[in-house]
Amino acid sequence: MPRDSIYLFIDESGDLLPYELGSSNLVLAAFATTSPNLISSKINELRYQLLSSGVGISNFHAADDSRVIRSEFLRNLIDLPDCMGISIGVQKAMEFTITDVKALYIKMLLALVKEIVKASELNVTLIILIDLTLDRTSRSEAKRVLKNLCRNFGIKNYIYFQSMKSDGCGQIADYLAWSHFQSLERENPNYLLEMKRLINAREIQLDDPPG
């Protein structure tokens, strides 16, 4: 694996509905690594172990997994190499429409990627993989602003929209997003504290908050 490539997997927790129709908070999380093959193989190995013990799991998804599965998943994040996590959570404004929430998602996405870009070497290639939550029009806008950001910093980049559930590293991003969401929406910080310990995860704030 070339050491000058950073893979960034981004997933969300919460929804894109207005406050009164959906979740109160929206969370985006990014899992960054230079060793995606190694980390994904470890997550896949856990799945095969569970299959061989009679657990018919097709992928890991924090919101759907049982408490036992979550514990096993977290246990397999110990000592992962060359990785870090970043998450950002924002409470939706009461007056937000669906369009406003989509715009908020893109702002949060930009903040996450900017945090990685600022810490990257100039000769790095950034491969950004984003979950499929946004509609096609919003994806185009998100790609445009991210391309502009990387161009301004002189960072070579490739941006893809793909399902996170099909990738081991994406599943880690899902767990981080869900853990942060639990801390905000359910006032349960335990999973987030564990993710911070296991994958060097940290929270950031949105520079330009909504509302």
Foldseek 3Di string as FASTA:
>chain_A
DDPQEKEKAKDKDWALAACVPTFQKIKMKIKIFPCQVVQQVLLVVLCVVCVVVPNPDPFAAPVPDDPVVVVSLLVSLAPDPGMEMEMEMAGGDNPDHSVNSLVVVLLRVLVVVLVVLVVHDLSHEYEYEYEPRDDPVSVVVSVVVNVVSCVVSNHHYDYYYDHLRVTSSSNLSNQLNVLVCCCVRVVDNVSNVSNCVRGVYDYDYRPDHDD
